[in-house]
Protein backbone atom coordinates (compact mmCIF):
# COMPACT_ATOMS: atom_id res chain seq x y z
CA MET A 1 136.37 266.81 117.25
CA LYS A 2 136.57 270.04 115.43
CA ARG A 3 133.49 271.28 113.88
CA ARG A 4 134.17 272.30 110.24
CA MET A 5 132.67 275.46 109.14
CA ASP A 6 130.44 274.56 106.07
CA PRO A 7 128.41 277.33 103.63
CA SER A 8 125.38 276.48 105.29
CA LEU A 9 126.50 277.05 108.97
CA TRP A 10 127.88 280.39 107.35
CA ILE A 11 124.74 281.45 106.04
CA LEU A 12 123.20 280.75 109.24
CA ALA A 13 125.44 282.53 111.32
CA ALA A 14 125.36 285.69 108.92
CA LEU A 15 121.66 285.81 108.79
CA VAL A 16 121.29 285.63 112.70
CA ILE A 17 123.69 288.73 112.65
CA VAL A 18 122.02 290.61 110.17
CA ILE A 19 118.45 289.66 112.05
CA ALA A 20 119.87 290.61 115.16
CA LEU A 21 121.34 294.08 113.97
CA VAL A 22 117.99 294.78 112.43
CA ALA A 23 116.25 294.10 115.73
CA PHE A 24 118.70 295.86 117.70
CA SER A 25 117.98 299.18 115.35
CA ARG A 26 114.58 299.05 115.71
CA ASP A 27 114.70 298.60 119.54
CA PRO A 28 117.78 297.59 121.52
CA ARG A 29 115.64 295.37 123.77
CA LEU A 30 114.33 293.12 120.91
CA PRO A 31 117.52 291.20 120.70
CA LEU A 32 117.15 289.75 124.42
CA ARG A 33 113.31 289.27 123.61
CA GLY A 34 114.32 287.04 120.80
CA LEU A 35 116.75 284.94 123.00
CA GLU A 36 114.18 284.64 125.37
CA ALA A 37 111.91 283.43 122.88
CA SER A 38 114.62 281.43 121.39
CA GLY A 39 115.11 279.82 125.30
CA ARG A 40 110.97 279.04 125.56
CA LEU A 41 111.57 277.17 122.25
CA LEU A 42 114.21 275.17 123.27
CA ARG A 43 112.64 274.37 126.48
CA GLY A 44 109.55 272.84 124.55
CA VAL A 45 111.42 270.88 122.22
CA TRP A 46 114.93 269.76 124.27
CA LEU A 47 113.61 266.45 125.61
CA GLU A 48 112.79 265.48 121.51
CA LEU A 49 116.14 266.73 120.48
CA ALA A 50 117.95 264.73 123.02
CA PHE A 51 115.81 261.78 122.24
CA GLY A 52 116.43 262.18 118.36
CA PHE A 53 120.18 262.37 118.80
CA VAL A 54 120.41 259.34 121.22
CA LEU A 55 118.16 257.48 118.78
CA ALA A 56 120.31 258.34 115.76
CA GLY A 57 123.82 257.29 117.91
CA LEU A 58 122.24 254.21 119.15
CA LEU A 59 121.26 253.08 115.37
CA GLU A 60 124.90 253.94 114.07
CA VAL A 61 126.22 251.44 117.04
CA LEU A 62 123.21 248.92 116.18
CA ILE A 63 123.32 248.68 112.64
CA PRO A 64 125.96 247.04 110.83
CA GLN A 65 127.82 249.37 108.33
CA PRO A 66 127.26 246.16 105.73
CA ALA A 67 123.76 245.74 106.43
CA LEU A 68 122.99 249.79 106.11
CA THR A 69 124.54 249.69 102.59
CA ARG A 70 122.76 246.60 101.69
CA TRP A 71 119.61 248.00 102.79
CA LEU A 72 119.79 251.75 101.81
CA GLY A 73 122.92 251.88 99.83
CA GLY A 74 123.23 252.91 96.08
CA GLU A 75 124.06 249.65 94.89
CA ARG A 76 120.48 248.21 95.07
CA LEU A 77 118.81 251.68 94.51
CA GLY A 78 115.28 250.27 93.86
CA GLN A 79 115.25 248.18 97.00
CA GLY A 80 116.96 251.25 98.72
CA ILE A 81 114.20 253.66 97.82
CA LEU A 82 111.33 251.02 98.87
CA VAL A 83 112.98 250.54 101.99
CA GLY A 84 113.35 254.35 102.68
CA TRP A 85 109.78 254.74 101.46
CA ALA A 86 108.46 252.22 103.81
CA ALA A 87 110.49 253.38 106.86
CA GLY A 88 109.17 256.75 106.33
CA LEU A 89 105.83 255.72 106.17
CA VAL A 90 106.11 253.85 109.57
CA MET A 91 108.52 256.02 111.83
CA PRO A 92 107.20 257.58 114.51
CA GLY A 93 107.99 261.13 115.50
CA GLY A 94 108.54 264.67 114.38
CA PRO A 95 111.47 266.51 112.70
CA TYR A 96 113.24 266.69 115.96
CA LEU A 97 113.87 262.83 115.83
CA PHE A 98 113.67 261.81 112.04
CA PHE A 99 116.24 264.26 110.93
CA PRO A 100 118.96 263.40 113.46
CA VAL A 101 118.07 259.87 112.22
CA ALA A 102 118.49 260.37 108.61
CA ALA A 103 121.71 262.77 109.19
CA ASN A 104 123.26 259.57 110.86
CA LEU A 105 121.91 257.14 108.17
CA PHE A 106 123.26 259.45 105.33
CA LYS A 107 126.96 260.02 107.32
CA ASN A 108 127.11 256.20 107.72
CA GLY A 109 126.90 255.25 103.81
CA ALA A 110 122.90 255.40 103.12
CA ALA A 111 122.48 256.42 99.47
CA PRO A 112 120.42 260.05 98.70
CA GLY A 113 118.03 258.61 96.79
CA PRO A 114 116.75 255.97 99.61
CA LEU A 115 117.03 258.68 102.08
CA ILE A 116 115.04 261.38 100.12
CA ALA A 117 112.25 258.68 99.52
CA LEU A 118 112.29 258.16 103.66
CA LEU A 119 112.12 262.00 104.26
CA THR A 120 109.50 262.72 101.73
CA ALA A 121 107.48 259.84 102.97
CA LYS A 122 107.68 260.85 106.67
CA THR A 123 106.92 264.56 105.84
CA LEU A 124 104.01 263.95 103.52
CA VAL A 125 102.49 260.93 104.94
CA SER A 126 101.73 260.91 108.78
CA PRO A 127 99.05 258.44 109.77
CA ILE A 128 98.62 259.96 113.13
CA ARG A 129 98.53 263.60 111.76
CA MET A 130 95.84 262.41 109.22
CA LEU A 131 93.57 260.45 111.60
CA THR A 132 93.65 263.02 114.38
CA TYR A 133 93.72 266.49 112.53
CA GLU A 134 93.11 266.02 108.65
CA ALA A 135 90.29 263.88 108.54
CA PRO A 136 88.25 265.38 111.62
CA LEU A 137 89.30 269.17 110.46
CA LEU A 138 88.84 268.52 106.55
CA GLY A 139 87.07 265.43 105.84
CA TRP A 140 88.09 261.89 104.51
CA PRO A 141 87.62 263.39 100.46
CA LEU A 142 90.36 266.00 100.92
CA THR A 143 92.52 263.75 103.64
CA LEU A 144 92.22 260.86 101.08
CA ALA A 145 92.82 263.27 97.85
CA ARG A 146 96.06 264.37 99.89
CA PHE A 147 96.89 261.17 101.02
CA VAL A 148 97.30 259.12 97.87
CA PRO A 149 99.68 261.34 95.86
CA GLY A 150 101.61 261.62 99.14
CA VAL A 151 102.12 257.97 99.56
CA LEU A 152 102.91 257.45 95.78
CA LEU A 153 105.48 260.32 95.49
CA PRO A 154 108.27 259.41 97.64
CA PRO A 155 109.91 256.75 95.35
CA LEU A 156 109.68 259.38 92.31
CA THR A 157 111.33 261.74 94.37
CA GLY A 158 113.54 259.24 95.79
CA LEU A 159 114.94 258.45 92.04
CA LEU A 160 114.95 262.10 91.04
CA GLY A 161 116.66 263.20 94.11
CA GLN A 162 119.31 260.73 93.83
CA TRP A 163 120.14 261.85 89.95
CA LEU A 164 119.91 265.26 91.40
CA PHE A 165 121.99 264.82 93.73
CA PHE A 166 124.88 263.93 92.11
CA VAL A 167 124.23 266.69 89.55
CA PHE A 168 124.54 269.07 92.28
CA LYS A 169 127.76 267.44 93.72
CA GLY A 170 129.24 267.55 90.25
CA ARG A 171 129.66 263.76 89.29
């Protein structure tokens, strides 16, 4: 399968080249040190990335296309946004898991609004993060003051995002 060079890939490649040239101009050893730091990062997250892509592939073959479009498609946008919202609130794992899953859902027919609701719910509200970091370190009043708007916002971002997606797409 041939990879298409889309604008985001070109921008990323240009950023890497420019930053590598800046690093080299400061010290010719810096690009190599940057590659070593990248290797350490990859060693720390490769397993999560692999599981995220395996999960995305399994979901692609397990969820029939009609079911996906029925639950997350644009025909019943309100239902799709509610399902995306609920899925985002309960989905475990970090970005290495849920971004491959979301990309796969989008590729297979999920509408933008439900996916935006899912991504917003997942990134704004994390029960594990709330219980292990936020409440113990920041206290319950601040945690709940952040949690309540965070849990209510995803449906609104799903609706607004659905509209904006088509504005940006030119339809």
